[in-house]
Amino acid sequence: MIRDKDRALLKRYRHIIAALISYSIGYFTPLAALRAIQDYKNNQPNFCEFYLDIAWKRGTNSDNDFIAINRNILRASIKYRHCLDFKLALNVVDQNILGHESLGASWF
C-alpha cells in the first residue's frame, strides 16, 4: 500500500522517477526510484541492486562511491528522459499515484 506521504512525493517527482525507471530499463519501481531520490537529497548511499552491480563492475564499495553512483545515475536519467519509453514509465508512476502499486521492478 502506498502511503499518503509517498503518494505526494510521487506526484512531486513524477518526471524524475519516470526518468529513473526509463534509464534503468525498468529496474526501478516508482517507490524504489523515490528512495534513490530521497537518498540523493540526504547525501546518503543507496544500496539497491542496480547500484551494487555498477559498484561491483567498478571495483568500488564505499558509501561515497554509492553516493556518487546515485548522483551520476540521477543526472544521466534526467538527460535521458526524452526517450520513447519515458512515456511508458510515466504511466507506471501515474498508476502508482492512483494507488496501483508496482510489485515487480519492470513493466515487461
N, C-alpha and C. Protein backbone atom coordinates (compact mmCIF):
# COMPACT_ATOMS: atom_id res chain seq x y z
N MET A 1 0.84 -1.18 0.00
CA MET A 1 0.00 0.00 0.00
C MET A 1 0.88 1.25 0.00
N ILE A 2 0.52 2.18 -0.81
CA ILE A 2 1.29 3.42 -0.93
C ILE A 2 0.79 4.43 0.11
N ARG A 3 1.72 4.89 0.95
CA ARG A 3 1.36 5.86 1.99
C ARG A 3 1.08 7.22 1.36
N ASP A 4 0.26 8.02 2.03
CA ASP A 4 -0.08 9.35 1.52
C ASP A 4 1.16 10.22 1.31
N LYS A 5 2.11 10.13 2.23
CA LYS A 5 3.34 10.91 2.11
C LYS A 5 4.09 10.51 0.84
N ASP A 6 4.19 9.19 0.58
CA ASP A 6 4.86 8.73 -0.63
C ASP A 6 4.09 9.14 -1.88
N ARG A 7 2.78 9.07 -1.82
CA ARG A 7 1.95 9.47 -2.96
C ARG A 7 2.21 10.95 -3.32
N ALA A 8 2.31 11.78 -2.29
CA ALA A 8 2.58 13.21 -2.53
C ALA A 8 3.96 13.39 -3.17
N LEU A 9 4.93 12.62 -2.71
CA LEU A 9 6.28 12.73 -3.29
C LEU A 9 6.33 12.14 -4.70
N LEU A 10 5.56 11.09 -4.95
CA LEU A 10 5.48 10.55 -6.31
C LEU A 10 4.94 11.61 -7.27
N LYS A 11 3.95 12.35 -6.81
CA LYS A 11 3.41 13.43 -7.65
C LYS A 11 4.44 14.52 -7.87
N ARG A 12 5.14 14.86 -6.81
CA ARG A 12 6.11 15.96 -6.88
C ARG A 12 7.28 15.63 -7.82
N TYR A 13 7.75 14.39 -7.75
CA TYR A 13 8.93 13.98 -8.51
C TYR A 13 8.60 13.02 -9.66
N ARG A 14 7.38 13.05 -10.16
CA ARG A 14 6.94 12.03 -11.13
C ARG A 14 7.79 11.98 -12.38
N HIS A 15 8.26 13.10 -12.88
CA HIS A 15 9.07 13.08 -14.10
C HIS A 15 10.48 12.54 -13.83
N ILE A 16 11.05 12.87 -12.70
CA ILE A 16 12.37 12.34 -12.35
C ILE A 16 12.28 10.84 -12.09
N ILE A 17 11.22 10.42 -11.41
CA ILE A 17 11.02 9.00 -11.14
C ILE A 17 10.85 8.24 -12.44
N ALA A 18 10.04 8.77 -13.34
CA ALA A 18 9.86 8.12 -14.64
C ALA A 18 11.18 8.05 -15.41
N ALA A 19 11.99 9.10 -15.31
CA ALA A 19 13.28 9.10 -15.98
C ALA A 19 14.19 8.01 -15.40
N LEU A 20 14.18 7.84 -14.08
CA LEU A 20 14.97 6.77 -13.46
C LEU A 20 14.51 5.39 -13.91
N ILE A 21 13.20 5.19 -13.95
CA ILE A 21 12.66 3.91 -14.39
C ILE A 21 13.08 3.63 -15.83
N SER A 22 12.93 4.63 -16.67
CA SER A 22 13.28 4.50 -18.08
C SER A 22 14.77 4.25 -18.26
N TYR A 23 15.60 5.03 -17.60
CA TYR A 23 17.05 4.90 -17.73
C TYR A 23 17.54 3.55 -17.24
N SER A 24 16.90 3.04 -16.19
CA SER A 24 17.33 1.76 -15.62
C SER A 24 16.73 0.57 -16.38
N ILE A 25 16.06 0.85 -17.47
CA ILE A 25 15.39 -0.15 -18.30
C ILE A 25 14.40 -0.94 -17.46
N GLY A 26 13.69 -0.22 -16.61
CA GLY A 26 12.63 -0.83 -15.83
C GLY A 26 13.06 -1.47 -14.54
N TYR A 27 14.32 -1.32 -14.14
CA TYR A 27 14.76 -1.91 -12.88
C TYR A 27 14.01 -1.30 -11.70
N PHE A 28 13.97 0.02 -11.66
CA PHE A 28 13.34 0.70 -10.53
C PHE A 28 11.82 0.60 -10.59
N THR A 29 11.21 0.37 -9.43
CA THR A 29 9.78 0.63 -9.28
C THR A 29 9.67 2.11 -8.92
N PRO A 30 8.49 2.70 -9.00
CA PRO A 30 8.37 4.10 -8.59
C PRO A 30 8.83 4.35 -7.16
N LEU A 31 8.49 3.46 -6.24
CA LEU A 31 8.90 3.67 -4.85
C LEU A 31 10.41 3.50 -4.67
N ALA A 32 11.02 2.56 -5.37
CA ALA A 32 12.47 2.39 -5.29
C ALA A 32 13.18 3.62 -5.87
N ALA A 33 12.66 4.16 -6.96
CA ALA A 33 13.23 5.38 -7.54
C ALA A 33 13.07 6.55 -6.57
N LEU A 34 11.93 6.62 -5.90
CA LEU A 34 11.71 7.67 -4.91
C LEU A 34 12.74 7.57 -3.80
N ARG A 35 13.03 6.36 -3.34
CA ARG A 35 14.04 6.18 -2.28
C ARG A 35 15.41 6.65 -2.76
N ALA A 36 15.74 6.38 -4.03
CA ALA A 36 17.03 6.84 -4.57
C ALA A 36 17.09 8.37 -4.57
N ILE A 37 15.99 9.01 -4.91
CA ILE A 37 15.94 10.48 -4.90
C ILE A 37 16.09 11.00 -3.48
N GLN A 38 15.39 10.37 -2.53
CA GLN A 38 15.50 10.80 -1.14
C GLN A 38 16.92 10.63 -0.62
N ASP A 39 17.56 9.51 -0.97
CA ASP A 39 18.94 9.30 -0.53
C ASP A 39 19.86 10.35 -1.15
N TYR A 40 19.60 10.69 -2.40
CA TYR A 40 20.39 11.73 -3.07
C TYR A 40 20.26 13.06 -2.32
N LYS A 41 19.02 13.43 -2.02
CA LYS A 41 18.78 14.70 -1.33
C LYS A 41 19.42 14.73 0.05
N ASN A 42 19.47 13.58 0.73
CA ASN A 42 20.04 13.49 2.08
C ASN A 42 21.53 13.13 2.07
N ASN A 43 22.12 13.06 0.86
CA ASN A 43 23.53 12.70 0.71
C ASN A 43 23.85 11.38 1.40
N GLN A 44 22.96 10.41 1.22
CA GLN A 44 23.10 9.08 1.80
C GLN A 44 23.33 8.06 0.67
N PRO A 45 24.06 6.99 0.96
CA PRO A 45 24.24 5.96 -0.06
C PRO A 45 22.93 5.19 -0.29
N ASN A 46 22.75 4.71 -1.50
CA ASN A 46 21.61 3.86 -1.82
C ASN A 46 22.19 2.54 -2.32
N PHE A 47 21.84 1.46 -1.64
CA PHE A 47 22.44 0.16 -1.94
C PHE A 47 21.50 -0.74 -2.73
N CYS A 48 20.78 -0.17 -3.68
CA CYS A 48 19.88 -1.01 -4.49
C CYS A 48 20.73 -1.92 -5.38
N GLU A 49 20.12 -2.98 -5.87
CA GLU A 49 20.85 -3.96 -6.68
C GLU A 49 21.45 -3.33 -7.94
N PHE A 50 20.75 -2.40 -8.54
CA PHE A 50 21.23 -1.71 -9.74
C PHE A 50 22.56 -1.01 -9.45
N TYR A 51 22.63 -0.31 -8.33
CA TYR A 51 23.86 0.40 -7.95
C TYR A 51 24.95 -0.57 -7.47
N LEU A 52 24.54 -1.65 -6.79
CA LEU A 52 25.51 -2.65 -6.36
C LEU A 52 26.22 -3.26 -7.57
N ASP A 53 25.48 -3.52 -8.63
CA ASP A 53 26.06 -4.08 -9.84
C ASP A 53 27.06 -3.11 -10.46
N ILE A 54 26.70 -1.84 -10.52
CA ILE A 54 27.61 -0.83 -11.06
C ILE A 54 28.87 -0.76 -10.22
N ALA A 55 28.71 -0.73 -8.89
CA ALA A 55 29.87 -0.64 -7.99
C ALA A 55 30.76 -1.87 -8.13
N TRP A 56 30.15 -3.04 -8.23
CA TRP A 56 30.92 -4.27 -8.36
C TRP A 56 31.75 -4.24 -9.64
N LYS A 57 31.14 -3.79 -10.74
CA LYS A 57 31.86 -3.73 -12.02
C LYS A 57 33.01 -2.71 -11.97
N ARG A 58 32.86 -1.69 -11.14
CA ARG A 58 33.91 -0.68 -11.00
C ARG A 58 34.94 -1.05 -9.94
N GLY A 59 34.63 -2.07 -9.14
CA GLY A 59 35.53 -2.48 -8.07
C GLY A 59 35.51 -1.53 -6.89
N THR A 60 34.37 -0.88 -6.66
CA THR A 60 34.25 0.07 -5.56
C THR A 60 33.15 -0.40 -4.60
N ASN A 61 33.22 0.07 -3.35
CA ASN A 61 32.17 -0.32 -2.41
C ASN A 61 32.03 0.61 -1.20
N SER A 62 32.60 1.80 -1.24
CA SER A 62 32.46 2.71 -0.09
C SER A 62 31.15 3.48 -0.19
N ASP A 63 30.72 4.03 0.93
CA ASP A 63 29.50 4.85 0.94
C ASP A 63 29.61 5.99 -0.06
N ASN A 64 30.77 6.63 -0.10
CA ASN A 64 30.96 7.75 -1.03
C ASN A 64 30.83 7.30 -2.48
N ASP A 65 31.26 6.08 -2.78
CA ASP A 65 31.11 5.56 -4.14
C ASP A 65 29.63 5.40 -4.49
N PHE A 66 28.84 4.91 -3.55
CA PHE A 66 27.41 4.73 -3.81
C PHE A 66 26.69 6.07 -3.91
N ILE A 67 27.12 7.05 -3.15
CA ILE A 67 26.55 8.39 -3.27
C ILE A 67 26.85 8.95 -4.66
N ALA A 68 28.09 8.76 -5.12
CA ALA A 68 28.47 9.25 -6.45
C ALA A 68 27.71 8.51 -7.56
N ILE A 69 27.54 7.20 -7.41
CA ILE A 69 26.79 6.43 -8.41
C ILE A 69 25.36 6.94 -8.49
N ASN A 70 24.73 7.14 -7.34
CA ASN A 70 23.35 7.65 -7.32
C ASN A 70 23.27 9.02 -8.00
N ARG A 71 24.19 9.89 -7.65
CA ARG A 71 24.22 11.23 -8.25
C ARG A 71 24.37 11.14 -9.77
N ASN A 72 25.29 10.30 -10.24
CA ASN A 72 25.54 10.18 -11.67
C ASN A 72 24.35 9.56 -12.41
N ILE A 73 23.72 8.58 -11.81
CA ILE A 73 22.55 7.94 -12.45
C ILE A 73 21.39 8.93 -12.51
N LEU A 74 21.17 9.68 -11.45
CA LEU A 74 20.09 10.68 -11.48
C LEU A 74 20.34 11.73 -12.56
N ARG A 75 21.55 12.21 -12.66
CA ARG A 75 21.86 13.21 -13.69
C ARG A 75 21.68 12.63 -15.09
N ALA A 76 22.17 11.43 -15.31
CA ALA A 76 22.04 10.79 -16.62
C ALA A 76 20.57 10.53 -16.94
N SER A 77 19.79 10.14 -15.94
CA SER A 77 18.37 9.85 -16.15
C SER A 77 17.62 11.09 -16.63
N ILE A 78 17.93 12.22 -16.04
CA ILE A 78 17.25 13.45 -16.41
C ILE A 78 17.56 13.81 -17.86
N LYS A 79 18.79 13.59 -18.30
CA LYS A 79 19.15 13.85 -19.69
C LYS A 79 18.47 12.85 -20.64
N TYR A 80 18.19 11.66 -20.15
CA TYR A 80 17.65 10.55 -20.94
C TYR A 80 16.12 10.61 -21.07
N ARG A 81 15.47 11.51 -20.38
CA ARG A 81 14.01 11.49 -20.25
C ARG A 81 13.25 11.72 -21.54
N HIS A 82 13.90 12.10 -22.62
CA HIS A 82 13.21 12.34 -23.88
C HIS A 82 12.98 11.05 -24.67
N CYS A 83 13.49 9.92 -24.21
CA CYS A 83 13.36 8.67 -24.95
C CYS A 83 11.92 8.17 -24.96
N LEU A 84 11.62 7.32 -25.93
CA LEU A 84 10.25 6.85 -26.13
C LEU A 84 9.68 6.13 -24.91
N ASP A 85 10.48 5.33 -24.23
CA ASP A 85 9.95 4.57 -23.10
C ASP A 85 9.70 5.44 -21.87
N PHE A 86 10.08 6.71 -21.92
CA PHE A 86 9.80 7.63 -20.82
C PHE A 86 8.29 7.75 -20.61
N LYS A 87 7.52 7.84 -21.68
CA LYS A 87 6.06 7.95 -21.54
C LYS A 87 5.47 6.72 -20.89
N LEU A 88 5.99 5.56 -21.22
CA LEU A 88 5.52 4.33 -20.59
C LEU A 88 5.87 4.33 -19.11
N ALA A 89 7.08 4.76 -18.78
CA ALA A 89 7.49 4.85 -17.38
C ALA A 89 6.65 5.86 -16.62
N LEU A 90 6.32 6.98 -17.27
CA LEU A 90 5.49 7.99 -16.63
C LEU A 90 4.10 7.42 -16.33
N ASN A 91 3.60 6.59 -17.21
CA ASN A 91 2.31 5.92 -16.97
C ASN A 91 2.39 5.00 -15.76
N VAL A 92 3.51 4.31 -15.59
CA VAL A 92 3.69 3.44 -14.42
C VAL A 92 3.64 4.28 -13.14
N VAL A 93 4.31 5.42 -13.15
CA VAL A 93 4.30 6.32 -11.99
C VAL A 93 2.88 6.81 -11.71
N ASP A 94 2.18 7.22 -12.76
CA ASP A 94 0.81 7.72 -12.59
C ASP A 94 -0.10 6.64 -12.02
N GLN A 95 0.07 5.39 -12.43
CA GLN A 95 -0.73 4.30 -11.88
C GLN A 95 -0.44 4.10 -10.40
N ASN A 96 0.82 4.29 -10.01
CA ASN A 96 1.17 4.19 -8.59
C ASN A 96 0.55 5.32 -7.79
N ILE A 97 0.51 6.51 -8.36
CA ILE A 97 -0.12 7.65 -7.68
C ILE A 97 -1.59 7.35 -7.44
N LEU A 98 -2.21 6.66 -8.38
CA LEU A 98 -3.63 6.30 -8.24
C LEU A 98 -3.85 5.15 -7.25
N GLY A 99 -2.75 4.56 -6.76
CA GLY A 99 -2.87 3.51 -5.76
C GLY A 99 -2.60 2.11 -6.26
N HIS A 100 -2.22 1.95 -7.52
CA HIS A 100 -1.91 0.64 -8.09
C HIS A 100 -0.41 0.40 -8.01
N GLU A 101 0.03 -0.04 -6.83
CA GLU A 101 1.46 -0.16 -6.56
C GLU A 101 2.11 -1.21 -7.45
N SER A 102 3.29 -0.86 -7.98
CA SER A 102 4.08 -1.80 -8.78
C SER A 102 4.77 -2.78 -7.84
N LEU A 103 4.54 -4.04 -8.06
CA LEU A 103 5.20 -5.05 -7.23
C LEU A 103 6.47 -5.56 -7.87
N GLY A 104 6.49 -5.61 -9.20
CA GLY A 104 7.68 -6.03 -9.93
C GLY A 104 8.50 -4.81 -10.31
N ALA A 105 9.73 -5.04 -10.65
CA ALA A 105 10.61 -3.93 -10.98
C ALA A 105 10.48 -3.49 -12.42
N SER A 106 9.84 -4.26 -13.25
CA SER A 106 9.82 -3.94 -14.67
C SER A 106 8.40 -3.89 -15.20
N TRP A 107 8.22 -3.20 -16.29
CA TRP A 107 6.92 -3.16 -16.94
C TRP A 107 6.80 -4.25 -18.00
N PHE A 108 7.87 -5.04 -18.20
CA PHE A 108 7.85 -6.08 -19.23
C PHE A 108 7.05 -7.27 -18.75
